[in-house]
Amino acid sequence: MCKKILFTLTLLFLTLLEAQTNMGNCEATVVDVRLPNLIDSNLTLSASKVYGIDRKVLVTNGATLKIEPGTTLAGCSLYSFLAIAKNATIIAKGTKHNPITFTSQLDLIGYSAPNNVGEWGGLVIAGNAYTHYENNKYEADESIAFGSDSHRHDKDSSGILEYVVIKHTGYEVKKDKELNGLSLAGVGSGTIIKNIAIIGGGDDGVEIWGGQVNIDGLYIYNAKDDSVDVDLGYRGTIQNVLVVQNKVASKNNHDSSAMEFGNDENLIHTDVKTATLPTIKNLTAYIKGGGLYNKYDSGFRLSNVKIISSKKHDYQMIYFRGKDSYTTGAKFFDTDVCLYDTALPLTLKQLISKKNSKTPKNKYTAYDFFIKKHLAKGKGKLKTSSKCTKGVNEKNIWKGKRDSNEPLETK
């Protein structure tokens, strides 16, 4: 009898040990299922379970990952992220009543706070749409390829993200190689991205490399680097955006900006037809760092944009990298753009930087471009007033809270 009991207990112990081993870095107390690191066939995740993302989880081989409304996924370790490879698909269609949540395991255990960042990696979607280079590799994991040098795949779909919360992201793999809250690399315009809340990010809230994917409804709270960063010929529309910078990684007025426009590396020269040229509509940004940082030969189209600061020093809101920002001149104000500092009675001339972040430091500046030479295109103008532009209707922006447009986070 004793031998039988001992055998049963040993078997139970081994079973529990095997289960714990299969969980890797995921805690069985909060995570029900640890996702496989390679998903190469269709998989559906149920809202009845919590799924762990442990290190890289890659959806590949044309597979579709379907995530039911109300499902929670958690990064179980710092260098954990979910990547949707080229030709694979994610269907994460939450609802306002049942949003889909990507968060950290620490959050589920109860060790996190709204301002916490860098507790896991984030979500990466790679597609085949046009980028500036033929062979593109995702900076935080170069095994993930994206984009193409033709426009054949610009309308491709990588799936759906709707009513999705992404929290506590931004692990730094190595210097200048960080994971963002949401990374979109060569993603086509057939992809649907609506009502996304990105809360607490150690790097960018959203970074987009090339492609033509559109975003409608975006809330970014406390991204320590840039809130919206676009590169490599991105040509989509981002609209209905609310940015709140609570803390930033740098105290200067460009490294952590509400919006950054660039080509990542200045290895090629683009013209207006190929330049990074996003359309930003209906955006309000409350900033602690910079407002708009333009580098390399990139451009933008802004419509109904308002940037509000309370800084008493380093208060310039528009900053250039250097002479390379002049290459195309593809900078459009389709309607008036409002810059306003609530702490100081500043003029518009004071809000545009007379220095660059790179050489030449004191010429070819944002001040030269917008104030002295009036090179911006479009019907709108830069203005400074608390009411010169409405910006986004903040009450209509979903901020991650179930059944509400109130903020999910509390200070």
Protein backbone atom coordinates (compact mmCIF):
# COMPACT_ATOMS: atom_id res chain seq x y z
CA MET A 1 0.00 0.00 0.00
CA CYS A 2 2.81 2.43 0.94
CA LYS A 3 4.62 1.64 -2.31
CA LYS A 4 1.45 2.35 -4.27
CA ILE A 5 0.97 5.73 -2.52
CA LEU A 6 4.65 6.60 -3.04
CA PHE A 7 4.39 5.69 -6.73
CA THR A 8 1.26 7.83 -7.13
CA LEU A 9 2.88 10.81 -5.40
CA THR A 10 6.01 10.45 -7.52
CA LEU A 11 3.93 10.31 -10.70
CA LEU A 12 2.00 13.40 -9.61
CA PHE A 13 5.24 15.26 -8.84
CA LEU A 14 6.73 14.37 -12.22
CA THR A 15 3.52 15.44 -13.97
CA LEU A 16 3.56 18.81 -12.18
CA LEU A 17 7.28 19.22 -12.90
CA GLU A 18 6.75 18.50 -16.60
CA ALA A 19 3.86 20.98 -16.72
CA GLN A 20 5.98 23.65 -15.07
CA THR A 21 8.88 22.94 -17.44
CA ASN A 22 6.57 23.28 -20.44
CA MET A 23 5.52 26.68 -19.13
CA GLY A 24 9.07 28.03 -19.49
CA ASN A 25 9.15 31.55 -18.04
CA CYS A 26 5.36 31.68 -17.79
CA GLU A 27 3.78 31.45 -14.34
CA ALA A 28 1.07 28.81 -14.16
CA THR A 29 -0.68 30.89 -11.50
CA VAL A 30 -1.67 33.50 -14.11
CA VAL A 31 -1.00 31.89 -17.51
CA ASP A 32 -3.08 28.95 -18.68
CA VAL A 33 -1.30 28.12 -21.94
CA ARG A 34 2.22 28.96 -23.10
CA LEU A 35 2.11 29.60 -26.82
CA PRO A 36 4.47 27.57 -29.01
CA ASN A 37 7.40 29.58 -30.32
CA LEU A 38 6.53 28.59 -33.89
CA ILE A 39 2.93 28.73 -35.10
CA ASP A 40 2.90 27.37 -38.65
CA SER A 41 -0.74 26.31 -38.94
CA ASN A 42 -4.03 28.03 -38.14
CA LEU A 43 -4.65 28.58 -34.44
CA THR A 44 -7.56 30.14 -32.53
CA LEU A 45 -7.12 31.57 -29.04
CA SER A 46 -10.12 31.47 -26.74
CA ALA A 47 -11.17 34.17 -24.28
CA SER A 48 -11.53 31.46 -21.64
CA LYS A 49 -7.74 31.17 -21.29
CA VAL A 50 -4.74 33.45 -20.69
CA TYR A 51 -1.91 32.84 -23.17
CA GLY A 52 1.77 33.32 -22.44
CA ILE A 53 4.26 34.74 -24.95
CA ASP A 54 7.70 33.46 -23.94
CA ARG A 55 10.57 34.90 -25.99
CA LYS A 56 9.78 35.12 -29.73
CA VAL A 57 6.49 33.62 -30.86
CA LEU A 58 6.42 33.63 -34.67
CA VAL A 59 3.32 33.07 -36.79
CA THR A 60 4.57 31.91 -40.19
CA ASN A 61 4.01 29.62 -43.18
CA GLY A 62 0.84 31.49 -44.20
CA ALA A 63 -0.89 30.59 -40.95
CA THR A 64 -3.69 32.63 -39.39
CA LEU A 65 -3.71 33.42 -35.69
CA LYS A 66 -7.28 34.21 -34.64
CA ILE A 67 -7.80 35.81 -31.24
CA GLU A 68 -11.32 35.89 -29.83
CA PRO A 69 -12.74 39.06 -28.26
CA GLY A 70 -11.88 39.35 -24.57
CA THR A 71 -8.69 37.27 -24.81
CA THR A 72 -5.60 38.19 -22.78
CA LEU A 73 -2.02 37.50 -23.90
CA ALA A 74 0.96 38.16 -21.66
CA GLY A 75 4.68 38.50 -22.31
CA CYS A 76 6.31 36.12 -19.82
CA SER A 77 9.83 37.53 -20.00
CA LEU A 78 11.56 40.75 -21.00
CA TYR A 79 12.57 39.62 -24.48
CA SER A 80 9.16 38.23 -25.38
CA PHE A 81 7.23 39.35 -28.40
CA LEU A 82 4.66 38.14 -30.90
CA ALA A 83 5.57 38.44 -34.57
CA ILE A 84 3.32 37.92 -37.58
CA ALA A 85 5.60 37.04 -40.50
CA LYS A 86 5.14 37.99 -44.16
CA ASN A 87 2.18 36.08 -45.67
CA ALA A 88 0.81 35.14 -42.24
CA THR A 89 -2.28 36.77 -40.74
CA ILE A 90 -3.57 37.94 -37.37
CA ILE A 91 -7.31 38.33 -36.75
CA ALA A 92 -7.60 40.14 -33.43
CA LYS A 93 -11.04 41.70 -33.64
CA GLY A 94 -12.07 42.74 -30.17
CA THR A 95 -15.09 44.83 -29.26
CA LYS A 96 -15.59 47.78 -26.96
CA HIS A 97 -17.28 45.40 -24.52
CA ASN A 98 -14.63 42.69 -24.94
CA PRO A 99 -11.29 44.18 -26.00
CA ILE A 100 -8.22 42.03 -26.62
CA THR A 101 -5.34 42.72 -24.25
CA PHE A 102 -1.62 42.27 -24.79
CA THR A 103 0.20 42.90 -21.53
CA SER A 104 3.03 41.66 -19.33
CA GLN A 105 3.00 38.74 -16.96
CA LEU A 106 4.05 41.16 -14.22
CA ASP A 107 0.85 43.09 -14.83
CA LEU A 108 -1.25 39.97 -14.37
CA ILE A 109 0.61 39.04 -11.19
CA GLY A 110 -0.03 42.54 -9.86
CA TYR A 111 3.51 43.91 -9.85
CA SER A 112 3.01 46.49 -12.59
CA ALA A 113 1.72 50.07 -12.67
CA PRO A 114 0.37 52.30 -15.49
CA ASN A 115 3.72 54.07 -15.90
CA ASN A 116 5.75 50.85 -16.07
CA VAL A 117 7.48 50.13 -19.37
CA GLY A 118 9.82 47.52 -20.80
CA GLU A 119 8.25 44.50 -19.10
CA TRP A 120 8.03 42.58 -22.38
CA GLY A 121 8.60 43.23 -26.09
CA GLY A 122 5.41 43.98 -28.04
CA LEU A 123 3.53 43.08 -31.20
CA VAL A 124 5.22 42.96 -34.64
CA ILE A 125 3.43 42.61 -37.99
CA ALA A 126 5.48 42.16 -41.16
CA GLY A 127 4.13 42.44 -44.70
CA ASN A 128 5.19 42.62 -48.35
CA ALA A 129 4.30 46.23 -49.21
CA TYR A 130 6.76 48.75 -50.65
CA THR A 131 9.68 50.05 -48.59
CA HIS A 132 12.79 51.94 -49.64
CA TYR A 133 15.05 48.89 -49.65
CA GLU A 134 14.84 45.50 -51.30
CA ASN A 135 15.98 43.36 -48.36
CA ASN A 136 14.57 44.67 -45.09
CA LYS A 137 15.13 43.07 -41.70
CA TYR A 138 13.28 43.98 -38.52
CA GLU A 139 15.76 45.84 -36.35
CA ALA A 140 15.09 43.97 -33.12
CA ASP A 141 15.21 40.53 -34.78
CA GLU A 142 16.84 40.36 -38.20
CA SER A 143 15.39 36.92 -38.92
CA ILE A 144 12.09 38.71 -39.63
CA ALA A 145 12.05 40.01 -43.21
CA PHE A 146 9.56 42.54 -44.52
CA GLY A 147 8.61 44.72 -47.46
CA SER A 148 9.64 44.79 -51.10
CA ASP A 149 10.97 47.25 -53.65
CA SER A 150 7.82 47.10 -55.81
CA HIS A 151 4.23 48.24 -55.27
CA ARG A 152 2.57 44.93 -56.21
CA HIS A 153 1.69 44.17 -52.59
CA ASP A 154 0.70 47.62 -51.33
CA LYS A 155 -2.95 46.56 -50.87
CA ASP A 156 -2.15 43.27 -49.13
CA SER A 157 -3.84 42.38 -45.87
CA SER A 158 -2.05 41.09 -42.78
CA GLY A 159 -5.37 40.83 -40.93
CA ILE A 160 -7.29 42.86 -38.36
CA LEU A 161 -6.48 44.65 -35.11
CA GLU A 162 -9.56 46.23 -33.56
CA TYR A 163 -10.24 47.24 -29.95
CA VAL A 164 -6.81 46.05 -28.85
CA VAL A 165 -4.85 47.17 -25.77
CA ILE A 166 -1.04 46.85 -25.74
CA LYS A 167 0.62 47.60 -22.38
CA HIS A 168 4.08 47.81 -20.71
CA THR A 169 6.20 47.12 -23.81
CA GLY A 170 9.54 48.26 -25.17
CA TYR A 171 12.40 45.94 -24.29
CA GLU A 172 15.81 47.08 -25.59
CA VAL A 173 17.47 44.16 -27.38
CA LYS A 174 20.65 46.20 -27.88
CA LYS A 175 21.44 49.89 -28.18
CA ASP A 176 19.11 51.53 -30.73
CA LYS A 177 17.44 48.14 -31.35
CA GLU A 178 14.25 48.23 -29.31
CA LEU A 179 10.89 46.53 -29.50
CA ASN A 180 7.96 48.94 -29.77
CA GLY A 181 4.38 48.66 -28.57
CA LEU A 182 3.19 48.02 -32.13
CA SER A 183 5.64 47.56 -35.00
CA LEU A 184 4.23 47.58 -38.54
CA ALA A 185 6.81 46.67 -41.18
CA GLY A 186 5.86 46.76 -44.86
CA VAL A 187 2.19 46.26 -44.02
CA GLY A 188 -0.38 46.73 -46.79
CA SER A 189 -3.49 48.91 -46.85
CA GLY A 190 -5.81 45.89 -46.79
CA THR A 191 -4.94 45.46 -43.11
CA ILE A 192 -7.58 46.89 -40.76
CA ILE A 193 -6.29 48.68 -37.65
CA LYS A 194 -8.87 50.55 -35.57
CA ASN A 195 -9.27 51.61 -31.96
CA ILE A 196 -5.87 50.73 -30.52
CA ALA A 197 -4.67 51.78 -27.04
CA ILE A 198 -0.93 51.58 -26.37
CA ILE A 199 -0.15 52.24 -22.73
CA GLY A 200 3.35 52.40 -21.24
CA GLY A 201 6.14 51.85 -23.79
CA GLY A 202 9.90 51.86 -23.27
CA ASP A 203 10.46 52.85 -26.91
CA ASP A 204 7.96 54.04 -29.55
CA GLY A 205 4.23 53.61 -29.19
CA VAL A 206 3.82 52.79 -32.90
CA GLU A 207 6.65 52.54 -35.41
CA ILE A 208 5.91 51.98 -39.09
CA TRP A 209 8.46 51.06 -41.74
CA GLY A 210 7.13 51.49 -45.28
CA GLY A 211 3.84 50.10 -46.48
CA GLN A 212 0.46 51.79 -46.73
CA VAL A 213 -1.43 50.49 -43.72
CA ASN A 214 -3.98 52.92 -42.23
CA ILE A 215 -4.85 53.44 -38.56
CA ASP A 216 -8.16 54.91 -37.40
CA GLY A 217 -8.47 55.50 -33.66
CA LEU A 218 -5.21 55.51 -31.69
CA TYR A 219 -4.42 56.34 -28.07
CA ILE A 220 -0.78 56.41 -26.97
CA TYR A 221 -0.02 57.05 -23.32
CA ASN A 222 3.46 57.29 -21.85
CA ALA A 223 5.67 56.14 -24.72
CA LYS A 224 9.16 57.07 -23.55
CA ASP A 225 10.52 57.57 -27.05
CA ASP A 226 8.35 58.72 -29.96
CA SER A 227 4.62 58.15 -29.84
CA VAL A 228 4.23 57.81 -33.62
CA ASP A 229 7.38 57.08 -35.68
CA VAL A 230 7.30 56.42 -39.45
CA ASP A 231 10.15 55.48 -41.81
CA LEU A 232 11.17 53.89 -45.10
CA GLY A 233 8.54 55.36 -47.42
CA TYR A 234 5.41 54.88 -45.32
CA ARG A 235 2.40 56.31 -47.19
CA GLY A 236 -0.69 55.51 -45.11
CA THR A 237 -3.17 57.62 -43.13
CA ILE A 238 -3.18 57.80 -39.33
CA GLN A 239 -6.27 59.55 -38.02
CA ASN A 240 -8.14 60.24 -34.80
CA VAL A 241 -5.12 60.15 -32.53
CA LEU A 242 -4.61 61.21 -28.92
CA VAL A 243 -1.05 61.29 -27.58
CA VAL A 244 -0.24 61.81 -23.90
CA GLN A 245 3.43 61.97 -22.97
CA ASN A 246 3.66 61.37 -19.24
CA LYS A 247 7.39 60.67 -19.10
CA VAL A 248 9.99 60.70 -21.86
CA ALA A 249 13.40 59.14 -22.27
CA SER A 250 15.17 62.39 -23.08
CA LYS A 251 14.82 65.93 -21.78
CA ASN A 252 15.75 67.55 -25.10
CA ASN A 253 13.11 68.69 -27.54
CA HIS A 254 13.39 66.13 -30.31
CA ASP A 255 14.55 62.68 -29.19
CA SER A 256 11.18 61.82 -27.62
CA SER A 257 8.56 63.38 -29.87
CA ALA A 258 4.86 63.04 -30.45
CA MET A 259 5.68 62.38 -34.13
CA GLU A 260 8.91 61.46 -35.88
CA PHE A 261 9.28 61.26 -39.66
CA GLY A 262 12.36 59.73 -41.24
CA ASN A 263 13.91 57.20 -43.58
CA ASP A 264 15.76 55.39 -40.80
CA GLU A 265 19.18 55.69 -42.41
CA ASN A 266 20.21 58.28 -44.98
CA LEU A 267 21.54 55.72 -47.47
CA ILE A 268 19.36 56.82 -50.36
CA HIS A 269 17.82 60.07 -51.59
CA THR A 270 14.12 60.06 -52.29
CA ASP A 271 11.98 62.48 -54.26
CA VAL A 272 8.43 63.54 -53.45
CA LYS A 273 7.05 60.41 -55.17
CA THR A 274 8.99 58.00 -52.95
CA ALA A 275 9.57 59.96 -49.72
CA THR A 276 8.10 58.92 -46.41
CA LEU A 277 4.86 60.89 -46.58
CA PRO A 278 2.22 59.91 -44.00
CA THR A 279 -1.11 61.68 -43.72
CA ILE A 280 -1.91 62.62 -40.11
CA LYS A 281 -5.49 63.75 -39.48
CA ASN A 282 -7.23 64.81 -36.28
CA LEU A 283 -4.42 64.53 -33.74
CA THR A 284 -3.97 66.12 -30.33
CA ALA A 285 -0.70 65.62 -28.46
CA TYR A 286 0.11 66.64 -24.89
CA ILE A 287 3.88 66.59 -24.79
CA LYS A 288 6.70 66.53 -22.23
CA GLY A 289 9.36 66.14 -24.92
CA GLY A 290 9.22 67.15 -28.57
CA GLY A 291 6.34 67.76 -30.92
CA LEU A 292 7.50 66.96 -34.46
CA TYR A 293 10.96 65.71 -35.44
CA ASN A 294 11.78 65.55 -39.15
CA LYS A 295 14.91 63.81 -40.39
CA TYR A 296 16.41 62.62 -43.65
CA ASP A 297 14.43 63.39 -46.80
CA SER A 298 11.03 62.60 -45.34
CA GLY A 299 7.79 64.55 -45.45
CA PHE A 300 4.28 64.63 -44.02
CA ARG A 301 0.72 65.85 -44.58
CA LEU A 302 -0.92 67.31 -41.46
CA SER A 303 -4.59 68.14 -41.05
CA ASN A 304 -6.29 69.34 -37.85
CA VAL A 305 -3.24 68.75 -35.65
CA LYS A 306 -2.76 70.36 -32.23
CA ILE A 307 0.37 70.00 -30.06
CA ILE A 308 0.22 71.28 -26.49
CA SER A 309 3.19 71.64 -24.14
CA SER A 310 3.80 73.00 -20.64
CA LYS A 311 7.60 73.24 -20.90
CA LYS A 312 9.50 76.25 -19.59
CA HIS A 313 12.78 75.34 -21.29
CA ASP A 314 13.70 73.40 -24.44
CA TYR A 315 10.21 74.36 -25.55
CA GLN A 316 10.72 74.26 -29.33
CA MET A 317 8.13 71.92 -30.81
CA ILE A 318 9.37 71.38 -34.38
CA TYR A 319 12.92 70.19 -34.92
CA PHE A 320 14.96 69.09 -37.96
CA ARG A 321 17.83 66.63 -38.11
CA GLY A 322 19.82 68.76 -40.56
CA LYS A 323 20.16 69.74 -44.21
CA ASP A 324 18.84 66.34 -45.30
CA SER A 325 15.37 67.42 -44.11
CA TYR A 326 15.34 69.83 -47.07
CA THR A 327 15.96 67.23 -49.77
CA THR A 328 12.35 66.80 -50.94
CA GLY A 329 10.55 69.62 -49.18
CA ALA A 330 7.48 67.34 -49.08
CA LYS A 331 5.90 68.96 -46.04
CA PHE A 332 2.22 69.84 -46.28
CA PHE A 333 -0.15 71.67 -43.94
CA ASP A 334 -3.50 70.73 -45.43
CA THR A 335 -5.24 72.71 -42.67
CA ASP A 336 -3.89 74.92 -39.89
CA VAL A 337 -1.58 73.26 -37.36
CA CYS A 338 -1.64 74.55 -33.80
CA LEU A 339 1.35 74.73 -31.43
CA TYR A 340 0.68 76.02 -27.93
CA ASP A 341 2.63 76.23 -24.68
CA THR A 342 0.44 76.59 -21.59
CA ALA A 343 3.36 77.61 -19.36
CA LEU A 344 4.84 80.50 -21.35
CA PRO A 345 3.40 83.19 -23.68
CA LEU A 346 5.57 82.10 -26.60
CA THR A 347 5.41 83.33 -30.18
CA LEU A 348 5.34 80.97 -33.13
CA LYS A 349 8.93 81.92 -33.98
CA GLN A 350 10.03 80.71 -30.54
CA LEU A 351 8.34 77.34 -31.00
CA ILE A 352 10.26 76.41 -34.18
CA SER A 353 13.86 75.36 -33.59
CA LYS A 354 16.79 77.40 -34.96
CA LYS A 355 19.14 74.47 -34.33
CA ASN A 356 19.38 71.00 -35.82
CA SER A 357 20.18 67.74 -34.08
CA LYS A 358 22.99 67.06 -36.61
CA THR A 359 25.28 69.20 -38.74
CA PRO A 360 24.86 71.78 -40.02
CA LYS A 361 23.63 72.91 -36.61
CA ASN A 362 22.61 76.49 -37.35
CA LYS A 363 21.39 76.56 -40.93
CA TYR A 364 18.84 74.60 -42.97
CA THR A 365 16.84 74.50 -39.75
CA ALA A 366 13.11 74.07 -39.14
CA TYR A 367 13.02 77.81 -38.43
CA ASP A 368 14.58 78.55 -41.80
CA PHE A 369 12.18 76.20 -43.58
CA PHE A 370 8.89 77.24 -42.00
CA ILE A 371 9.44 80.82 -40.80
CA LYS A 372 12.11 82.50 -42.94
CA LYS A 373 11.53 80.83 -46.31
CA HIS A 374 7.89 79.70 -45.98
CA LEU A 375 8.58 76.45 -47.81
CA ALA A 376 5.69 74.42 -46.38
CA LYS A 377 2.99 73.51 -48.90
CA GLY A 378 -0.76 73.31 -48.59
CA LYS A 379 -3.60 75.64 -47.60
CA GLY A 380 -2.94 75.54 -43.85
CA LYS A 381 -0.55 77.52 -41.69
CA LEU A 382 1.35 77.08 -38.45
CA LYS A 383 -0.33 79.03 -35.66
CA THR A 384 0.00 79.41 -31.91
CA SER A 385 -3.21 79.67 -29.90
CA SER A 386 -5.13 77.48 -27.52
CA LYS A 387 -8.04 77.42 -29.98
CA CYS A 388 -6.54 77.75 -33.45
CA THR A 389 -7.29 74.12 -34.27
CA LYS A 390 -9.73 71.72 -32.66
CA GLY A 391 -7.52 68.66 -32.84
CA VAL A 392 -9.12 65.30 -32.19
CA ASN A 393 -12.40 64.96 -30.33
CA GLU A 394 -10.86 63.39 -27.22
CA LYS A 395 -14.19 62.10 -25.92
CA ASN A 396 -14.51 59.89 -29.00
CA ILE A 397 -11.10 58.23 -28.62
CA TRP A 398 -11.20 54.76 -27.10
CA LYS A 399 -8.46 54.62 -24.46
CA GLY A 400 -8.41 50.93 -23.62
CA LYS A 401 -11.10 50.68 -20.96
CA ARG A 402 -13.87 48.20 -21.46
CA ASP A 403 -17.23 49.80 -22.32
CA SER A 404 -15.84 53.31 -21.89
CA ASN A 405 -13.84 56.06 -23.57
CA GLU A 406 -12.36 57.04 -20.21
CA PRO A 407 -8.62 56.29 -19.73
CA LEU A 408 -7.74 52.78 -18.66
CA GLU A 409 -4.73 53.98 -16.66
CA THR A 410 -4.70 56.10 -13.54
CA LYS A 411 -1.83 58.36 -12.54
